[in-house]
């Protein structure tokens, strides 16, 4: 059995490092996309709960993908923003 040369070991190590870097660059945007999707689903749930509570005071925010996205990204300020937009343009 032959012992691999130094250049072979070095190139193998560089290849593994490049594979790690490429995998990292592919995984980070995917993780961000999953976080964005999860936050948008939570935003839709917040809008539904707000609409259930809003029946009492006659405030309703339509459940659209854009509204769920805004609430998912901005959180509570997004809900306030949508409520203000709804009240101003109503």
N, C-alpha and C. Protein backbone atom coordinates (compact mmCIF):
# COMPACT_ATOMS: atom_id res chain seq x y z
N UNK A 1 0.84 -1.17 0.00
CA UNK A 1 0.00 0.00 0.00
C UNK A 1 0.89 1.24 0.00
N UNK A 2 0.57 2.15 -0.91
CA UNK A 2 1.36 3.37 -1.02
C UNK A 2 0.83 4.45 -0.08
N UNK A 3 1.71 5.24 0.43
CA UNK A 3 1.36 6.39 1.25
C UNK A 3 1.06 7.55 0.31
N UNK A 4 -0.11 8.23 0.49
CA UNK A 4 -0.42 9.35 -0.41
C UNK A 4 0.59 10.48 -0.24
N UNK A 5 0.83 11.15 -1.35
CA UNK A 5 1.79 12.25 -1.31
C UNK A 5 1.18 13.45 -0.57
N UNK A 6 2.04 14.38 -0.21
CA UNK A 6 1.61 15.58 0.50
C UNK A 6 0.64 16.39 -0.35
N UNK A 7 0.91 16.48 -1.64
CA UNK A 7 0.04 17.25 -2.53
C UNK A 7 -1.36 16.64 -2.59
N UNK A 8 -1.44 15.31 -2.60
CA UNK A 8 -2.74 14.65 -2.66
C UNK A 8 -3.54 14.94 -1.39
N UNK A 9 -2.89 14.85 -0.25
CA UNK A 9 -3.56 15.13 1.02
C UNK A 9 -3.98 16.59 1.09
N UNK A 10 -3.13 17.48 0.63
CA UNK A 10 -3.45 18.90 0.64
C UNK A 10 -4.63 19.21 -0.29
N UNK A 11 -4.65 18.64 -1.48
CA UNK A 11 -5.76 18.86 -2.40
C UNK A 11 -7.06 18.25 -1.87
N UNK A 12 -6.95 17.10 -1.21
CA UNK A 12 -8.13 16.49 -0.62
C UNK A 12 -8.69 17.39 0.49
N UNK A 13 -7.82 17.93 1.30
CA UNK A 13 -8.25 18.85 2.36
C UNK A 13 -8.88 20.12 1.81
N UNK A 14 -8.30 20.67 0.74
CA UNK A 14 -8.87 21.87 0.09
C UNK A 14 -10.24 21.56 -0.50
N UNK A 15 -10.38 20.38 -1.09
CA UNK A 15 -11.67 19.97 -1.66
C UNK A 15 -12.73 19.85 -0.59
N UNK A 16 -12.38 19.27 0.57
CA UNK A 16 -13.33 19.17 1.67
C UNK A 16 -13.72 20.55 2.20
N UNK A 17 -12.75 21.43 2.29
CA UNK A 17 -13.02 22.79 2.76
C UNK A 17 -13.95 23.52 1.78
N UNK A 18 -13.70 23.41 0.49
CA UNK A 18 -14.57 24.05 -0.51
C UNK A 18 -15.97 23.46 -0.47
N UNK A 19 -16.07 22.14 -0.26
CA UNK A 19 -17.38 21.50 -0.15
C UNK A 19 -18.14 22.04 1.07
N UNK A 20 -17.43 22.25 2.17
CA UNK A 20 -18.03 22.82 3.37
C UNK A 20 -18.53 24.25 3.10
N UNK A 21 -17.71 25.06 2.43
CA UNK A 21 -18.09 26.45 2.14
C UNK A 21 -19.31 26.49 1.23
N UNK A 22 -19.33 25.69 0.17
CA UNK A 22 -20.48 25.67 -0.74
C UNK A 22 -21.73 25.19 -0.01
N UNK A 23 -21.60 24.16 0.81
CA UNK A 23 -22.74 23.68 1.59
C UNK A 23 -23.26 24.73 2.54
N UNK A 24 -22.36 25.47 3.16
CA UNK A 24 -22.76 26.54 4.08
C UNK A 24 -23.52 27.64 3.33
N UNK A 25 -23.03 28.03 2.15
CA UNK A 25 -23.70 29.08 1.38
C UNK A 25 -25.05 28.62 0.85
N UNK A 26 -25.23 27.32 0.65
CA UNK A 26 -26.53 26.83 0.22
C UNK A 26 -27.49 26.65 1.39
N UNK A 27 -26.97 26.35 2.58
CA UNK A 27 -27.82 26.09 3.72
C UNK A 27 -28.34 27.36 4.38
N UNK A 28 -27.54 28.41 4.43
CA UNK A 28 -27.94 29.65 5.10
C UNK A 28 -29.17 30.29 4.45
N UNK A 29 -29.23 30.43 3.12
CA UNK A 29 -30.45 31.00 2.53
C UNK A 29 -31.66 30.09 2.73
N UNK A 30 -31.46 28.78 2.71
CA UNK A 30 -32.56 27.85 2.92
C UNK A 30 -33.12 28.00 4.32
N UNK A 31 -32.25 28.15 5.30
CA UNK A 31 -32.67 28.34 6.68
C UNK A 31 -33.42 29.66 6.82
N UNK A 32 -32.95 30.71 6.14
CA UNK A 32 -33.63 32.00 6.17
C UNK A 32 -35.00 31.91 5.53
N UNK A 33 -35.10 31.14 4.45
CA UNK A 33 -36.38 30.97 3.78
C UNK A 33 -37.36 30.22 4.67
N UNK A 34 -36.89 29.21 5.38
CA UNK A 34 -37.77 28.48 6.30
C UNK A 34 -38.23 29.38 7.45
N UNK A 35 -37.34 30.22 7.95
CA UNK A 35 -37.71 31.16 9.01
C UNK A 35 -38.76 32.14 8.51
N UNK A 36 -38.58 32.64 7.29
CA UNK A 36 -39.55 33.57 6.70
C UNK A 36 -40.90 32.90 6.52
N UNK A 37 -40.91 31.65 6.06
CA UNK A 37 -42.17 30.92 5.88
C UNK A 37 -42.86 30.69 7.23
N UNK A 38 -42.10 30.30 8.24
CA UNK A 38 -42.66 30.08 9.58
C UNK A 38 -43.25 31.37 10.15
N UNK A 39 -42.53 32.47 10.00
CA UNK A 39 -43.02 33.76 10.50
C UNK A 39 -44.27 34.21 9.76
N UNK A 40 -44.35 33.92 8.47
CA UNK A 40 -45.55 34.29 7.70
C UNK A 40 -46.76 33.48 8.15
N UNK A 41 -46.55 32.20 8.46
CA UNK A 41 -47.64 31.36 8.96
C UNK A 41 -48.11 31.88 10.33
N UNK A 42 -47.16 32.24 11.18
CA UNK A 42 -47.53 32.83 12.46
C UNK A 42 -48.25 34.16 12.27
N UNK A 43 -47.83 34.95 11.29
CA UNK A 43 -48.51 36.21 10.98
C UNK A 43 -49.94 35.99 10.55
N UNK A 44 -50.17 34.95 9.76
CA UNK A 44 -51.54 34.62 9.34
C UNK A 44 -52.38 34.23 10.55
N UNK A 45 -51.78 33.47 11.48
CA UNK A 45 -52.51 33.08 12.69
C UNK A 45 -52.86 34.30 13.54
N UNK A 46 -51.95 35.26 13.62
CA UNK A 46 -52.21 36.48 14.38
C UNK A 46 -53.36 37.26 13.73
N UNK A 47 -53.38 37.32 12.42
CA UNK A 47 -54.46 38.03 11.73
C UNK A 47 -55.80 37.34 11.98
N UNK A 48 -55.81 36.01 11.97
CA UNK A 48 -57.06 35.28 12.23
C UNK A 48 -57.55 35.57 13.64
N UNK A 49 -56.65 35.52 14.62
CA UNK A 49 -57.04 35.80 16.01
C UNK A 49 -57.52 37.25 16.13
N UNK A 50 -56.82 38.16 15.48
CA UNK A 50 -57.23 39.56 15.52
C UNK A 50 -58.60 39.75 14.89
N UNK A 51 -58.89 39.03 13.82
CA UNK A 51 -60.20 39.13 13.19
C UNK A 51 -61.30 38.56 14.08
N UNK A 52 -60.97 37.50 14.83
CA UNK A 52 -61.96 36.95 15.76
C UNK A 52 -62.26 37.93 16.89
N UNK A 53 -61.22 38.56 17.41
CA UNK A 53 -61.40 39.56 18.46
C UNK A 53 -62.01 40.83 17.87
N UNK A 54 -61.66 41.16 16.65
CA UNK A 54 -62.12 42.39 16.01
C UNK A 54 -63.58 42.40 15.65
N UNK A 55 -64.26 41.23 15.70
CA UNK A 55 -65.70 41.21 15.43
C UNK A 55 -66.45 42.06 16.45
N UNK A 56 -65.92 42.15 17.65
CA UNK A 56 -66.58 42.91 18.71
C UNK A 56 -66.53 44.41 18.41
N UNK A 57 -65.37 44.89 17.94
CA UNK A 57 -65.21 46.33 17.69
C UNK A 57 -65.25 46.67 16.20
N UNK A 58 -65.65 45.72 15.39
CA UNK A 58 -65.82 45.89 13.94
C UNK A 58 -64.54 46.32 13.22
N UNK A 59 -63.43 45.73 13.61
CA UNK A 59 -62.16 45.94 12.91
C UNK A 59 -61.76 44.61 12.29
N UNK A 60 -61.49 44.63 11.01
CA UNK A 60 -61.14 43.41 10.31
C UNK A 60 -59.99 43.68 9.36
N UNK A 61 -59.00 42.79 9.38
CA UNK A 61 -57.88 42.85 8.43
C UNK A 61 -58.03 41.65 7.51
N UNK A 62 -58.12 41.86 6.20
CA UNK A 62 -58.25 40.72 5.30
C UNK A 62 -57.00 39.83 5.36
N UNK A 63 -57.23 38.53 5.33
CA UNK A 63 -56.13 37.58 5.38
C UNK A 63 -55.63 37.33 3.96
N UNK A 64 -54.57 38.02 3.59
CA UNK A 64 -53.94 37.84 2.28
C UNK A 64 -52.49 37.42 2.51
N UNK A 65 -51.87 36.83 1.51
CA UNK A 65 -50.45 36.47 1.68
C UNK A 65 -49.57 37.67 1.99
N UNK A 66 -49.88 38.82 1.41
CA UNK A 66 -49.09 40.02 1.67
C UNK A 66 -49.22 40.47 3.12
N UNK A 67 -50.45 40.46 3.64
CA UNK A 67 -50.66 40.85 5.03
C UNK A 67 -49.97 39.87 5.99
N UNK A 68 -50.07 38.58 5.70
CA UNK A 68 -49.40 37.58 6.54
C UNK A 68 -47.88 37.77 6.48
N UNK A 69 -47.36 38.12 5.31
CA UNK A 69 -45.92 38.36 5.15
C UNK A 69 -45.48 39.58 5.94
N UNK A 70 -46.28 40.65 5.88
CA UNK A 70 -45.94 41.89 6.61
C UNK A 70 -45.94 41.62 8.11
N UNK A 71 -46.95 40.92 8.60
CA UNK A 71 -47.00 40.62 10.04
C UNK A 71 -45.90 39.64 10.41
N UNK A 72 -45.58 38.71 9.53
CA UNK A 72 -44.51 37.75 9.81
C UNK A 72 -43.15 38.41 9.88
N UNK A 73 -42.91 39.40 9.03
CA UNK A 73 -41.61 40.09 9.02
C UNK A 73 -41.53 41.12 10.15
N UNK A 74 -42.56 41.94 10.30
CA UNK A 74 -42.49 43.05 11.25
C UNK A 74 -42.99 42.69 12.64
N UNK A 75 -43.76 41.63 12.77
CA UNK A 75 -44.28 41.25 14.08
C UNK A 75 -45.40 42.17 14.52
N UNK A 76 -45.40 42.55 15.78
CA UNK A 76 -46.44 43.41 16.34
C UNK A 76 -46.52 44.78 15.65
N UNK A 77 -45.38 45.41 15.32
CA UNK A 77 -45.50 46.66 14.56
C UNK A 77 -46.18 46.47 13.20
N UNK A 78 -46.05 45.29 12.62
CA UNK A 78 -46.75 45.01 11.37
C UNK A 78 -48.25 44.97 11.55
N UNK A 79 -48.70 44.39 12.67
CA UNK A 79 -50.13 44.37 12.97
C UNK A 79 -50.65 45.79 13.15
N UNK A 80 -49.90 46.60 13.90
CA UNK A 80 -50.30 47.99 14.13
C UNK A 80 -50.31 48.75 12.80
N UNK A 81 -49.32 48.51 11.96
CA UNK A 81 -49.26 49.16 10.65
C UNK A 81 -50.48 48.81 9.81
N UNK A 82 -50.84 47.53 9.76
CA UNK A 82 -52.00 47.12 8.97
C UNK A 82 -53.29 47.69 9.55
N UNK A 83 -53.37 47.75 10.87
CA UNK A 83 -54.56 48.36 11.48
C UNK A 83 -54.66 49.84 11.15
N UNK A 84 -53.53 50.54 11.22
CA UNK A 84 -53.55 51.97 10.88
C UNK A 84 -53.91 52.20 9.42
N UNK A 85 -53.35 51.39 8.54
CA UNK A 85 -53.68 51.52 7.11
C UNK A 85 -55.15 51.24 6.90
N UNK A 86 -55.66 50.23 7.58
CA UNK A 86 -57.08 49.87 7.44
C UNK A 86 -57.98 51.00 7.96
N UNK A 87 -57.60 51.59 9.10
CA UNK A 87 -58.43 52.65 9.66
C UNK A 87 -58.34 53.94 8.86
N UNK A 88 -57.18 54.22 8.29
CA UNK A 88 -57.03 55.46 7.49
C UNK A 88 -57.80 55.36 6.19
N UNK A 89 -57.73 54.21 5.52
CA UNK A 89 -58.36 54.09 4.20
C UNK A 89 -59.74 53.48 4.25
N UNK A 90 -60.35 53.37 5.41
CA UNK A 90 -61.68 52.81 5.51
C UNK A 90 -62.75 53.86 5.41
